[in-house]
Every structure is written in C-alpha cells, then in structure tokens.
Amino acid sequence: MPDETPQTGLSDNAASGLAYITIIPAIIFLVVPPYNQKPIVRFHSWQSIFLFIAWFVIHIGFMIVGRIPIIGWFTGLLSLLVSLGLFILWIIVLIKAFNGERFKIPVIGDLAAKQANG
C-alpha cells in the first residue's frame, strides 16, 4: 500500500489567488493556520488588502473632486479610466497569484512584502 499524504486544504497557489477575490479571504488567510505561515500566501493577502484600500481611497477622492463645479465634469472620464486600469491590474495579479508568481505592484507590493516578512 503506497504512502498517501493527506490533503490539508488549498494549495498555496489557490489560496494566493483566492486572496484577491474579495478582502475577506485575504484577512482569513492572514489569521488561519497553516496559510498565515506561508510567505507567498501572506504576501498576496497583504497586497490584496492594500490594493483594496488604494482602490477605496481613489474612489472616494473621485467622489469628492467630482462635486467641484467645472473640475468635476472632467473627473467622470478620468474615474472611468482609472477604474478600468485598476480592474485590469486586479485581473493580472489574480492570474499571477493562481500561477504561483509573486507579482509586485509598485509601492503596494513593497508594503505587502514588508508586512508579509515582518
């Protein structure tokens, strides 16, 4: 009878990718063992959280600036372009995480790496 290794849950790649689906799995993976002990999962969880925070701050900023007369008229198109860019970035990090790659978003990735290793 061959030695069978019991399955202990998600693979590192699956957990890393799922961390980007919403902020909730990212937080769960930072709290629940064994995922909170795996550097790649911790990195992607932190990067997902920081990406969500950045998106939220940018969105709120566009809402505030959008209320200013004349300037606000131009923010609609800019907001659409930035949202599209963030969506494409999210798809890229999602795919890379599921493939086991450690893709660092500028600034956010450095913060995530610092948190994951600290």
PDB file of N, CA and C in Angstrom:
ATOM      1  N   MET A   1       0.850  -1.179   0.000  1.00  0.00           N
ATOM      2  CA  MET A   1       0.000   0.000   0.000  1.00  0.00           C
ATOM      3  C   MET A   1       0.895   1.242   0.000  1.00  0.00           C
ATOM      4  N   PRO A   2       0.724   2.129  -0.988  1.00  0.00           N
ATOM      5  CA  PRO A   2       1.572   3.316  -1.059  1.00  0.00           C
ATOM      6  C   PRO A   2       1.275   4.298   0.070  1.00  0.00           C
ATOM      7  N   ASP A   3       2.320   5.035   0.435  1.00  0.00           N
ATOM      8  CA  ASP A   3       2.180   6.064   1.461  1.00  0.00           C
ATOM      9  C   ASP A   3       1.410   7.248   0.886  1.00  0.00           C
ATOM     10  N   GLU A   4       0.244   7.534   1.410  1.00  0.00           N
ATOM     11  CA  GLU A   4      -0.562   8.640   0.904  1.00  0.00           C
ATOM     12  C   GLU A   4      -0.468   9.822   1.865  1.00  0.00           C
ATOM     13  N   THR A   5      -0.191  10.975   1.303  1.00  0.00           N
ATOM     14  CA  THR A   5      -0.141  12.191   2.089  1.00  0.00           C
ATOM     15  C   THR A   5      -1.548  12.776   2.157  1.00  0.00           C
ATOM     16  N   PRO A   6      -2.047  13.033   3.360  1.00  0.00           N
ATOM     17  CA  PRO A   6      -3.395  13.593   3.462  1.00  0.00           C
ATOM     18  C   PRO A   6      -3.438  15.018   2.908  1.00  0.00           C
ATOM     19  N   GLN A   7      -4.550  15.337   2.282  1.00  0.00           N
ATOM     20  CA  GLN A   7      -4.755  16.685   1.739  1.00  0.00           C
ATOM     21  C   GLN A   7      -5.120  17.597   2.896  1.00  0.00           C
ATOM     22  N   THR A   8      -4.416  18.712   3.015  1.00  0.00           N
ATOM     23  CA  THR A   8      -4.627  19.603   4.158  1.00  0.00           C
ATOM     24  C   THR A   8      -5.351  20.894   3.802  1.00  0.00           C
ATOM     25  N   GLY A   9      -5.952  20.961   2.637  1.00  0.00           N
ATOM     26  CA  GLY A   9      -6.673  22.174   2.264  1.00  0.00           C
ATOM     27  C   GLY A   9      -6.232  22.696   0.920  1.00  0.00           C
ATOM     28  N   LEU A  10      -6.265  23.997   0.763  1.00  0.00           N
ATOM     29  CA  LEU A  10      -5.923  24.639  -0.500  1.00  0.00           C
ATOM     30  C   LEU A  10      -4.422  24.633  -0.736  1.00  0.00           C
ATOM     31  N   SER A  11      -4.048  24.592  -1.999  1.00  0.00           N
ATOM     32  CA  SER A  11      -2.639  24.753  -2.338  1.00  0.00           C
ATOM     33  C   SER A  11      -2.257  26.213  -2.113  1.00  0.00           C
ATOM     34  N   ASP A  12      -0.964  26.468  -2.061  1.00  0.00           N
ATOM     35  CA  ASP A  12      -0.504  27.852  -1.883  1.00  0.00           C
ATOM     36  C   ASP A  12      -0.976  28.731  -3.034  1.00  0.00           C
ATOM     37  N   ASN A  13      -0.945  28.208  -4.261  1.00  0.00           N
ATOM     38  CA  ASN A  13      -1.380  28.980  -5.429  1.00  0.00           C
ATOM     39  C   ASN A  13      -2.868  29.316  -5.344  1.00  0.00           C
ATOM     40  N   ALA A  14      -3.674  28.338  -4.950  1.00  0.00           N
ATOM     41  CA  ALA A  14      -5.117  28.572  -4.847  1.00  0.00           C
ATOM     42  C   ALA A  14      -5.424  29.590  -3.751  1.00  0.00           C
ATOM     43  N   ALA A  15      -4.772  29.462  -2.612  1.00  0.00           N
ATOM     44  CA  ALA A  15      -5.002  30.409  -1.515  1.00  0.00           C
ATOM     45  C   ALA A  15      -4.539  31.812  -1.914  1.00  0.00           C
ATOM     46  N   SER A  16      -3.404  31.900  -2.607  1.00  0.00           N
ATOM     47  CA  SER A  16      -2.893  33.202  -3.048  1.00  0.00           C
ATOM     48  C   SER A  16      -3.872  33.868  -4.007  1.00  0.00           C
ATOM     49  N   GLY A  17      -4.410  33.105  -4.947  1.00  0.00           N
ATOM     50  CA  GLY A  17      -5.369  33.645  -5.901  1.00  0.00           C
ATOM     51  C   GLY A  17      -6.679  34.033  -5.248  1.00  0.00           C
ATOM     52  N   LEU A  18      -7.157  33.200  -4.345  1.00  0.00           N
ATOM     53  CA  LEU A  18      -8.426  33.493  -3.671  1.00  0.00           C
ATOM     54  C   LEU A  18      -8.337  34.736  -2.788  1.00  0.00           C
ATOM     55  N   ALA A  19      -7.142  35.068  -2.343  1.00  0.00           N
ATOM     56  CA  ALA A  19      -6.967  36.261  -1.514  1.00  0.00           C
ATOM     57  C   ALA A  19      -7.386  37.528  -2.260  1.00  0.00           C
ATOM     58  N   TYR A  20      -7.351  37.487  -3.605  1.00  0.00           N
ATOM     59  CA  TYR A  20      -7.721  38.665  -4.392  1.00  0.00           C
ATOM     60  C   TYR A  20      -9.209  38.725  -4.730  1.00  0.00           C
ATOM     61  N   ILE A  21      -9.963  37.667  -4.461  1.00  0.00           N
ATOM     62  CA  ILE A  21     -11.378  37.655  -4.842  1.00  0.00           C
ATOM     63  C   ILE A  21     -12.154  38.748  -4.101  1.00  0.00           C
ATOM     64  N   THR A  22     -12.004  38.817  -2.802  1.00  0.00           N
ATOM     65  CA  THR A  22     -12.511  39.941  -2.006  1.00  0.00           C
ATOM     66  C   THR A  22     -11.525  40.135  -0.865  1.00  0.00           C
ATOM     67  N   ILE A  23     -11.751  41.108  -0.054  1.00  0.00           N
ATOM     68  CA  ILE A  23     -10.847  41.369   1.070  1.00  0.00           C
ATOM     69  C   ILE A  23     -11.032  40.324   2.182  1.00  0.00           C
ATOM     70  N   ILE A  24     -12.180  39.670   2.227  1.00  0.00           N
ATOM     71  CA  ILE A  24     -12.478  38.714   3.299  1.00  0.00           C
ATOM     72  C   ILE A  24     -11.548  37.497   3.283  1.00  0.00           C
ATOM     73  N   PRO A  25     -11.359  36.805   2.135  1.00  0.00           N
ATOM     74  CA  PRO A  25     -10.412  35.681   2.158  1.00  0.00           C
ATOM     75  C   PRO A  25      -8.989  36.129   2.496  1.00  0.00           C
ATOM     76  N   ALA A  26      -8.606  37.321   2.072  1.00  0.00           N
ATOM     77  CA  ALA A  26      -7.264  37.826   2.379  1.00  0.00           C
ATOM     78  C   ALA A  26      -7.074  37.925   3.892  1.00  0.00           C
ATOM     79  N   ILE A  27      -8.068  38.457   4.578  1.00  0.00           N
ATOM     80  CA  ILE A  27      -7.992  38.580   6.038  1.00  0.00           C
ATOM     81  C   ILE A  27      -7.992  37.196   6.685  1.00  0.00           C
ATOM     82  N   ILE A  28      -8.832  36.305   6.186  1.00  0.00           N
ATOM     83  CA  ILE A  28      -8.897  34.944   6.741  1.00  0.00           C
ATOM     84  C   ILE A  28      -7.554  34.239   6.593  1.00  0.00           C
ATOM     85  N   PHE A  29      -6.914  34.370   5.417  1.00  0.00           N
ATOM     86  CA  PHE A  29      -5.631  33.694   5.201  1.00  0.00           C
ATOM     87  C   PHE A  29      -4.529  34.273   6.088  1.00  0.00           C
ATOM     88  N   LEU A  30      -4.666  35.507   6.536  1.00  0.00           N
ATOM     89  CA  LEU A  30      -3.680  36.084   7.446  1.00  0.00           C
ATOM     90  C   LEU A  30      -3.880  35.632   8.890  1.00  0.00           C
ATOM     91  N   VAL A  31      -5.055  35.068   9.175  1.00  0.00           N
ATOM     92  CA  VAL A  31      -5.377  34.678  10.546  1.00  0.00           C
ATOM     93  C   VAL A  31      -5.313  33.163  10.747  1.00  0.00           C
ATOM     94  N   VAL A  32      -5.720  32.393   9.734  1.00  0.00           N
ATOM     95  CA  VAL A  32      -5.903  30.952   9.883  1.00  0.00           C
ATOM     96  C   VAL A  32      -4.630  30.178   9.509  1.00  0.00           C
ATOM     97  N   PRO A  33      -4.151  29.314  10.419  1.00  0.00           N
ATOM     98  CA  PRO A  33      -3.045  28.432  10.047  1.00  0.00           C
ATOM     99  C   PRO A  33      -3.558  27.348   9.103  1.00  0.00           C
ATOM    100  N   PRO A  34      -2.803  26.797   8.248  1.00  0.00           N
ATOM    101  CA  PRO A  34      -1.369  26.980   8.000  1.00  0.00           C
ATOM    102  C   PRO A  34      -1.076  28.112   7.018  1.00  0.00           C
ATOM    103  N   TYR A  35      -2.118  28.774   6.495  1.00  0.00           N
ATOM    104  CA  TYR A  35      -1.915  29.789   5.461  1.00  0.00           C
ATOM    105  C   TYR A  35      -1.165  31.001   5.984  1.00  0.00           C
ATOM    106  N   ASN A  36      -1.397  31.358   7.241  1.00  0.00           N
ATOM    107  CA  ASN A  36      -0.739  32.542   7.799  1.00  0.00           C
ATOM    108  C   ASN A  36       0.750  32.314   8.037  1.00  0.00           C
ATOM    109  N   GLN A  37       1.239  31.095   7.826  1.00  0.00           N
ATOM    110  CA  GLN A  37       2.655  30.788   7.995  1.00  0.00           C
ATOM    111  C   GLN A  37       3.375  30.643   6.658  1.00  0.00           C
ATOM    112  N   LYS A  38       2.660  30.786   5.560  1.00  0.00           N
ATOM    113  CA  LYS A  38       3.255  30.624   4.235  1.00  0.00           C
ATOM    114  C   LYS A  38       3.533  31.998   3.633  1.00  0.00           C
ATOM    115  N   PRO A  39       4.797  32.304   3.355  1.00  0.00           N
ATOM    116  CA  PRO A  39       5.166  33.645   2.881  1.00  0.00           C
ATOM    117  C   PRO A  39       4.438  34.089   1.609  1.00  0.00           C
ATOM    118  N   ILE A  40       4.244  33.197   0.644  1.00  0.00           N
ATOM    119  CA  ILE A  40       3.597  33.585  -0.615  1.00  0.00           C
ATOM    120  C   ILE A  40       2.127  33.950  -0.381  1.00  0.00           C
ATOM    121  N   VAL A  41       1.456  33.200   0.466  1.00  0.00           N
ATOM    122  CA  VAL A  41       0.044  33.478   0.769  1.00  0.00           C
ATOM    123  C   VAL A  41      -0.064  34.773   1.566  1.00  0.00           C
ATOM    124  N   ARG A  42       0.843  34.969   2.510  1.00  0.00           N
ATOM    125  CA  ARG A  42       0.842  36.213   3.295  1.00  0.00           C
ATOM    126  C   ARG A  42       1.076  37.422   2.384  1.00  0.00           C
ATOM    127  N   PHE A  43       2.037  37.300   1.452  1.00  0.00           N
ATOM    128  CA  PHE A  43       2.325  38.405   0.539  1.00  0.00           C
ATOM    129  C   PHE A  43       1.087  38.767  -0.284  1.00  0.00           C
ATOM    130  N   HIS A  44       0.466  37.771  -0.906  1.00  0.00           N
ATOM    131  CA  HIS A  44      -0.696  38.066  -1.760  1.00  0.00           C
ATOM    132  C   HIS A  44      -1.886  38.568  -0.941  1.00  0.00           C
ATOM    133  N   SER A  45      -2.037  38.078   0.280  1.00  0.00           N
ATOM    134  CA  SER A  45      -3.121  38.568   1.145  1.00  0.00           C
ATOM    135  C   SER A  45      -2.912  40.037   1.482  1.00  0.00           C
ATOM    136  N   TRP A  46      -1.682  40.391   1.868  1.00  0.00           N
ATOM    137  CA  TRP A  46      -1.398  41.789   2.184  1.00  0.00           C
ATOM    138  C   TRP A  46      -1.530  42.667   0.951  1.00  0.00           C
ATOM    139  N   GLN A  47      -1.030  42.204  -0.183  1.00  0.00           N
ATOM    140  CA  GLN A  47      -1.130  43.010  -1.398  1.00  0.00           C
ATOM    141  C   GLN A  47      -2.592  43.222  -1.784  1.00  0.00           C
ATOM    142  N   SER A  48      -3.410  42.200  -1.603  1.00  0.00           N
ATOM    143  CA  SER A  48      -4.841  42.316  -1.885  1.00  0.00           C
ATOM    144  C   SER A  48      -5.493  43.362  -0.983  1.00  0.00           C
ATOM    145  N   ILE A  49      -5.150  43.343   0.289  1.00  0.00           N
ATOM    146  CA  ILE A  49      -5.709  44.313   1.238  1.00  0.00           C
ATOM    147  C   ILE A  49      -5.280  45.732   0.867  1.00  0.00           C
ATOM    148  N   PHE A  50      -4.001  45.916   0.563  1.00  0.00           N
ATOM    149  CA  PHE A  50      -3.507  47.249   0.196  1.00  0.00           C
ATOM    150  C   PHE A  50      -4.092  47.712  -1.132  1.00  0.00           C
ATOM    151  N   LEU A  51      -4.307  46.797  -2.065  1.00  0.00           N
ATOM    152  CA  LEU A  51      -4.931  47.159  -3.342  1.00  0.00           C
ATOM    153  C   LEU A  51      -6.376  47.611  -3.112  1.00  0.00           C
ATOM    154  N   PHE A  52      -7.094  46.919  -2.248  1.00  0.00           N
ATOM    155  CA  PHE A  52      -8.460  47.307  -1.917  1.00  0.00           C
ATOM    156  C   PHE A  52      -8.489  48.697  -1.273  1.00  0.00           C
ATOM    157  N   ILE A  53      -7.557  48.942  -0.333  1.00  0.00           N
ATOM    158  CA  ILE A  53      -7.508  50.243   0.337  1.00  0.00           C
ATOM    159  C   ILE A  53      -7.212  51.344  -0.677  1.00  0.00           C
ATOM    160  N   ALA A  54      -6.253  51.093  -1.590  1.00  0.00           N
ATOM    161  CA  ALA A  54      -5.907  52.087  -2.618  1.00  0.00           C
ATOM    162  C   ALA A  54      -7.107  52.369  -3.510  1.00  0.00           C
ATOM    163  N   TRP A  55      -7.808  51.306  -3.945  1.00  0.00           N
ATOM    164  CA  TRP A  55      -8.993  51.492  -4.780  1.00  0.00           C
ATOM    165  C   TRP A  55     -10.037  52.333  -4.034  1.00  0.00           C
ATOM    166  N   PHE A  56     -10.260  52.028  -2.766  1.00  0.00           N
ATOM    167  CA  PHE A  56     -11.250  52.734  -1.965  1.00  0.00           C
ATOM    168  C   PHE A  56     -10.899  54.218  -1.833  1.00  0.00           C
ATOM    169  N   VAL A  57      -9.645  54.511  -1.527  1.00  0.00           N
ATOM    170  CA  VAL A  57      -9.202  55.892  -1.364  1.00  0.00           C
ATOM    171  C   VAL A  57      -9.343  56.655  -2.686  1.00  0.00           C
ATOM    172  N   ILE A  58      -8.939  56.031  -3.785  1.00  0.00           N
ATOM    173  CA  ILE A  58      -9.061  56.669  -5.102  1.00  0.00           C
ATOM    174  C   ILE A  58     -10.530  56.930  -5.433  1.00  0.00           C
ATOM    175  N   HIS A  59     -11.380  55.960  -5.161  1.00  0.00           N
ATOM    176  CA  HIS A  59     -12.810  56.107  -5.436  1.00  0.00           C
ATOM    177  C   HIS A  59     -13.410  57.266  -4.631  1.00  0.00           C
ATOM    178  N   ILE A  60     -13.090  57.323  -3.358  1.00  0.00           N
ATOM    179  CA  ILE A  60     -13.596  58.414  -2.506  1.00  0.00           C
ATOM    180  C   ILE A  60     -13.061  59.755  -3.007  1.00  0.00           C
ATOM    181  N   GLY A  61     -11.796  59.795  -3.402  1.00  0.00           N
ATOM    182  CA  GLY A  61     -11.214  61.023  -3.934  1.00  0.00           C
ATOM    183  C   GLY A  61     -11.955  61.518  -5.163  1.00  0.00           C
ATOM    184  N   PHE A  62     -12.275  60.602  -6.077  1.00  0.00           N
ATOM    185  CA  PHE A  62     -13.016  60.999  -7.274  1.00  0.00           C
ATOM    186  C   PHE A  62     -14.425  61.476  -6.918  1.00  0.00           C
ATOM    187  N   MET A  63     -15.032  60.872  -5.906  1.00  0.00           N
ATOM    188  CA  MET A  63     -16.360  61.322  -5.496  1.00  0.00           C
ATOM    189  C   MET A  63     -16.310  62.740  -4.947  1.00  0.00           C
ATOM    190  N   ILE A  64     -15.281  63.044  -4.171  1.00  0.00           N
ATOM    191  CA  ILE A  64     -15.156  64.381  -3.584  1.00  0.00           C
ATOM    192  C   ILE A  64     -14.852  65.416  -4.672  1.00  0.00           C
ATOM    193  N   VAL A  65     -13.861  65.115  -5.513  1.00  0.00           N
ATOM    194  CA  VAL A  65     -13.478  66.054  -6.573  1.00  0.00           C
ATOM    195  C   VAL A  65     -14.611  66.209  -7.585  1.00  0.00           C
ATOM    196  N   GLY A  66     -15.389  65.165  -7.784  1.00  0.00           N
ATOM    197  CA  GLY A  66     -16.495  65.218  -8.733  1.00  0.00           C
ATOM    198  C   GLY A  66     -17.568  66.219  -8.368  1.00  0.00           C
ATOM    199  N   ARG A  67     -17.614  66.656  -7.133  1.00  0.00           N
ATOM    200  CA  ARG A  67     -18.616  67.632  -6.678  1.00  0.00           C
ATOM    201  C   ARG A  67     -18.193  69.078  -6.938  1.00  0.00           C
ATOM    202  N   ILE A  68     -16.937  69.278  -7.314  1.00  0.00           N
ATOM    203  CA  ILE A  68     -16.447  70.628  -7.582  1.00  0.00           C
ATOM    204  C   ILE A  68     -16.890  71.050  -8.984  1.00  0.00           C
ATOM    205  N   PRO A  69     -17.554  72.196  -9.098  1.00  0.00           N
ATOM    206  CA  PRO A  69     -18.003  72.641 -10.428  1.00  0.00           C
ATOM    207  C   PRO A  69     -16.829  72.768 -11.406  1.00  0.00           C
ATOM    208  N   ILE A  70     -17.083  72.525 -12.641  1.00  0.00           N
ATOM    209  CA  ILE A  70     -16.161  72.558 -13.779  1.00  0.00           C
ATOM    210  C   ILE A  70     -15.117  71.443 -13.680  1.00  0.00           C
ATOM    211  N   ILE A  71     -14.337  71.394 -12.602  1.00  0.00           N
ATOM    212  CA  ILE A  71     -13.346  70.321 -12.446  1.00  0.00           C
ATOM    213  C   ILE A  71     -14.052  68.968 -12.382  1.00  0.00           C
ATOM    214  N   GLY A  72     -15.168  68.926 -11.680  1.00  0.00           N
ATOM    215  CA  GLY A  72     -15.916  67.687 -11.517  1.00  0.00           C
ATOM    216  C   GLY A  72     -16.417  67.100 -12.815  1.00  0.00           C
ATOM    217  N   TRP A  73     -16.634  67.934 -13.815  1.00  0.00           N
ATOM    218  CA  TRP A  73     -17.137  67.440 -15.101  1.00  0.00           C
ATOM    219  C   TRP A  73     -16.118  66.533 -15.779  1.00  0.00           C
ATOM    220  N   PHE A  74     -14.856  66.805 -15.568  1.00  0.00           N
ATOM    221  CA  PHE A  74     -13.807  66.028 -16.226  1.00  0.00           C
ATOM    222  C   PHE A  74     -13.395  64.784 -15.439  1.00  0.00           C
ATOM    223  N   THR A  75     -13.800  64.728 -14.188  1.00  0.00           N
ATOM    224  CA  THR A  75     -13.387  63.594 -13.374  1.00  0.00           C
ATOM    225  C   THR A  75     -14.136  62.314 -13.735  1.00  0.00           C
ATOM    226  N   GLY A  76     -15.298  62.435 -14.347  1.00  0.00           N
ATOM    227  CA  GLY A  76     -16.056  61.238 -14.728  1.00  0.00           C
ATOM    228  C   GLY A  76     -15.274  60.354 -15.680  1.00  0.00           C
ATOM    229  N   LEU A  77     -14.717  60.936 -16.724  1.00  0.00           N
ATOM    230  CA  LEU A  77     -13.921  60.169 -17.680  1.00  0.00           C
ATOM    231  C   LEU A  77     -12.642  59.652 -17.036  1.00  0.00           C
ATOM    232  N   LEU A  78     -11.983  60.489 -16.272  1.00  0.00           N
ATOM    233  CA  LEU A  78     -10.760  60.073 -15.599  1.00  0.00           C
ATOM    234  C   LEU A  78     -11.033  58.934 -14.613  1.00  0.00           C
ATOM    235  N   SER A  79     -12.132  59.050 -13.893  1.00  0.00           N
ATOM    236  CA  SER A  79     -12.530  57.997 -12.955  1.00  0.00           C
ATOM    237  C   SER A  79     -12.762  56.680 -13.679  1.00  0.00           C
ATOM    238  N   LEU A  80     -13.410  56.737 -14.830  1.00  0.00           N
ATOM    239  CA  LEU A  80     -13.658  55.537 -15.628  1.00  0.00           C
ATOM    240  C   LEU A  80     -12.346  54.898 -16.072  1.00  0.00           C
ATOM    241  N   LEU A  81     -11.409  55.721 -16.543  1.00  0.00           N
ATOM    242  CA  LEU A  81     -10.120  55.203 -16.995  1.00  0.00           C
ATOM    243  C   LEU A  81      -9.308  54.593 -15.850  1.00  0.00           C
ATOM    244  N   VAL A  82      -9.302  55.261 -14.707  1.00  0.00           N
ATOM    245  CA  VAL A  82      -8.583  54.739 -13.549  1.00  0.00           C
ATOM    246  C   VAL A  82      -9.228  53.446 -13.063  1.00  0.00           C
ATOM    247  N   SER A  83     -10.540  53.391 -13.040  1.00  0.00           N
ATOM    248  CA  SER A  83     -11.241  52.165 -12.632  1.00  0.00           C
ATOM    249  C   SER A  83     -10.937  51.011 -13.576  1.00  0.00           C
ATOM    250  N   LEU A  84     -10.906  51.300 -14.869  1.00  0.00           N
ATOM    251  CA  LEU A  84     -10.561  50.272 -15.844  1.00  0.00           C
ATOM    252  C   LEU A  84      -9.125  49.781 -15.629  1.00  0.00           C
ATOM    253  N   GLY A  85      -8.216  50.712 -15.377  1.00  0.00           N
ATOM    254  CA  GLY A  85      -6.830  50.349 -15.106  1.00  0.00           C
ATOM    255  C   GLY A  85      -6.692  49.487 -13.863  1.00  0.00           C
ATOM    256  N   LEU A  86      -7.400  49.853 -12.801  1.00  0.00           N
ATOM    257  CA  LEU A  86      -7.367  49.055 -11.575  1.00  0.00           C
ATOM    258  C   LEU A  86      -7.983  47.673 -11.778  1.00  0.00           C
ATOM    259  N   PHE A  87      -9.035  47.599 -12.595  1.00  0.00           N
ATOM    260  CA  PHE A  87      -9.652  46.304 -12.892  1.00  0.00           C
ATOM    261  C   PHE A  87      -8.671  45.403 -13.650  1.00  0.00           C
ATOM    262  N   ILE A  88      -7.987  45.967 -14.630  1.00  0.00           N
ATOM    263  CA  ILE A  88      -7.000  45.196 -15.392  1.00  0.00           C
ATOM    264  C   ILE A  88      -5.856  44.756 -14.477  1.00  0.00           C
ATOM    265  N   LEU A  89      -5.394  45.653 -13.597  1.00  0.00           N
ATOM    266  CA  LEU A  89      -4.348  45.306 -12.641  1.00  0.00           C
ATOM    267  C   LEU A  89      -4.808  44.178 -11.733  1.00  0.00           C
ATOM    268  N   TRP A  90      -6.057  44.230 -11.277  1.00  0.00           N
ATOM    269  CA  TRP A  90      -6.610  43.180 -10.418  1.00  0.00           C
ATOM    270  C   TRP A  90      -6.623  41.836 -11.145  1.00  0.00           C
ATOM    271  N   ILE A  91      -7.007  41.828 -12.421  1.00  0.00           N
ATOM    272  CA  ILE A  91      -7.018  40.586 -13.205  1.00  0.00           C
ATOM    273  C   ILE A  91      -5.598  40.032 -13.326  1.00  0.00           C
ATOM    274  N   ILE A  92      -4.624  40.927 -13.565  1.00  0.00           N
ATOM    275  CA  ILE A  92      -3.239  40.496 -13.707  1.00  0.00           C
ATOM    276  C   ILE A  92      -2.727  39.848 -12.422  1.00  0.00           C
ATOM    277  N   VAL A  93      -2.921  40.515 -11.276  1.00  0.00           N
ATOM    278  CA  VAL A  93      -2.418  39.943 -10.019  1.00  0.00           C
ATOM    279  C   VAL A  93      -3.172  38.676  -9.653  1.00  0.00           C
ATOM    280  N   LEU A  94      -4.436  38.605  -9.989  1.00  0.00           N
ATOM    281  CA  LEU A  94      -5.227  37.401  -9.734  1.00  0.00           C
ATOM    282  C   LEU A  94      -4.665  36.213 -10.507  1.00  0.00           C
ATOM    283  N   ILE A  95      -4.423  36.387 -11.794  1.00  0.00           N
ATOM    284  CA  ILE A  95      -3.881  35.314 -12.635  1.00  0.00           C
ATOM    285  C   ILE A  95      -2.483  34.925 -12.173  1.00  0.00           C
ATOM    286  N   LYS A  96      -1.648  35.918 -11.910  1.00  0.00           N
ATOM    287  CA  LYS A  96      -0.272  35.627 -11.484  1.00  0.00           C
ATOM    288  C   LYS A  96      -0.261  34.876 -10.157  1.00  0.00           C
ATOM    289  N   ALA A  97      -1.147  35.245  -9.242  1.00  0.00           N
ATOM    290  CA  ALA A  97      -1.210  34.555  -7.948  1.00  0.00           C
ATOM    291  C   ALA A  97      -1.640  33.107  -8.126  1.00  0.00           C
ATOM    292  N   PHE A  98      -2.650  32.861  -8.955  1.00  0.00           N
ATOM    293  CA  PHE A  98      -3.088  31.481  -9.203  1.00  0.00           C
ATOM    294  C   PHE A  98      -1.995  30.659  -9.878  1.00  0.00           C
ATOM    295  N   ASN A  99      -1.082  31.311 -10.604  1.00  0.00           N
ATOM    296  CA  ASN A  99       0.032  30.619 -11.256  1.00  0.00           C
ATOM    297  C   ASN A  99       1.261  30.522 -10.369  1.00  0.00           C
ATOM    298  N   GLY A 100       1.171  30.993  -9.147  1.00  0.00           N
ATOM    299  CA  GLY A 100       2.274  30.872  -8.203  1.00  0.00           C
ATOM    300  C   GLY A 100       3.353  31.924  -8.363  1.00  0.00           C
ATOM    301  N   GLU A 101       3.074  32.989  -9.092  1.00  0.00           N
ATOM    302  CA  GLU A 101       4.057  34.040  -9.298  1.00  0.00           C
ATOM    303  C   GLU A 101       3.882  35.139  -8.261  1.00  0.00           C
ATOM    304  N   ARG A 102       4.988  35.753  -7.906  1.00  0.00           N
ATOM    305  CA  ARG A 102       4.954  36.850  -6.933  1.00  0.00           C
ATOM    306  C   ARG A 102       5.111  38.163  -7.687  1.00  0.00           C
ATOM    307  N   PHE A 103       4.011  38.694  -8.188  1.00  0.00           N
ATOM    308  CA  PHE A 103       4.000  39.939  -8.957  1.00  0.00           C
ATOM    309  C   PHE A 103       3.779  41.092  -7.996  1.00  0.00           C
ATOM    310  N   LYS A 104       4.751  42.001  -7.932  1.00  0.00           N
ATOM    311  CA  LYS A 104       4.658  43.135  -7.012  1.00  0.00           C
ATOM    312  C   LYS A 104       4.133  44.374  -7.736  1.00  0.00           C
ATOM    313  N   ILE A 105       3.032  44.899  -7.228  1.00  0.00           N
ATOM    314  CA  ILE A 105       2.502  46.172  -7.702  1.00  0.00           C
ATOM    315  C   ILE A 105       3.423  47.258  -7.122  1.00  0.00           C
ATOM    316  N   PRO A 106       3.824  48.250  -7.937  1.00  0.00           N
ATOM    317  CA  PRO A 106       4.674  49.306  -7.385  1.00  0.00           C
ATOM    318  C   PRO A 106       4.066  49.926  -6.130  1.00  0.00           C
ATOM    319  N   VAL A 107       4.880  50.203  -5.162  1.00  0.00           N
ATOM    320  CA  VAL A 107       4.559  50.779  -3.853  1.00  0.00           C
ATOM    321  C   VAL A 107       3.746  49.791  -3.009  1.00  0.00           C
ATOM    322  N   ILE A 108       2.603  49.371  -3.497  1.00  0.00           N
ATOM    323  CA  ILE A 108       1.748  48.439  -2.753  1.00  0.00           C
ATOM    324  C   ILE A 108       2.470  47.118  -2.521  1.00  0.00           C
ATOM    325  N   GLY A 109       3.148  46.620  -3.548  1.00  0.00           N
ATOM    326  CA  GLY A 109       3.882  45.352  -3.419  1.00  0.00           C
ATOM    327  C   GLY A 109       5.000  45.419  -2.403  1.00  0.00           C
ATOM    328  N   ASP A 110       5.678  46.557  -2.338  1.00  0.00           N
ATOM    329  CA  ASP A 110       6.744  46.717  -1.341  1.00  0.00           C
ATOM    330  C   ASP A 110       6.180  46.723   0.073  1.00  0.00           C
ATOM    331  N   LEU A 111       5.060  47.400   0.257  1.00  0.00           N
ATOM    332  CA  LEU A 111       4.395  47.389   1.569  1.00  0.00           C
ATOM    333  C   LEU A 111       3.944  45.978   1.950  1.00  0.00           C
ATOM    334  N   ALA A 112       3.399  45.266   0.962  1.00  0.00           N
ATOM    335  CA  ALA A 112       2.924  43.895   1.207  1.00  0.00           C
ATOM    336  C   ALA A 112       4.085  42.978   1.570  1.00  0.00           C
ATOM    337  N   ALA A 113       5.204  43.104   0.845  1.00  0.00           N
ATOM    338  CA  ALA A 113       6.372  42.275   1.143  1.00  0.00           C
ATOM    339  C   ALA A 113       6.903  42.556   2.540  1.00  0.00           C
ATOM    340  N   LYS A 114       6.903  43.817   2.914  1.00  0.00           N
ATOM    341  CA  LYS A 114       7.369  44.201   4.257  1.00  0.00           C
ATOM    342  C   LYS A 114       6.469  43.598   5.332  1.00  0.00           C
ATOM    343  N   GLN A 115       5.152  43.682   5.132  1.00  0.00           N
ATOM    344  CA  GLN A 115       4.200  43.119   6.098  1.00  0.00           C
ATOM    345  C   GLN A 115       4.276  41.587   6.144  1.00  0.00           C
ATOM    346  N   ALA A 116       4.426  40.971   4.975  1.00  0.00           N
ATOM    347  CA  ALA A 116       4.459  39.501   4.910  1.00  0.00           C
ATOM    348  C   ALA A 116       5.707  38.939   5.580  1.00  0.00           C
ATOM    349  N   ASN A 117       6.792  39.649   5.504  1.00  0.00           N
ATOM    350  CA  ASN A 117       8.048  39.170   6.083  1.00  0.00           C
ATOM    351  C   ASN A 117       8.252  39.642   7.510  1.00  0.00           C
ATOM    352  N   GLY A 118       7.444  40.597   7.942  1.00  0.00           N
ATOM    353  CA  GLY A 118       7.622  41.165   9.282  1.00  0.00           C
ATOM    354  C   GLY A 118       6.786  40.511  10.263  1.00  0.00           C
TER     355      GLY A 118
END
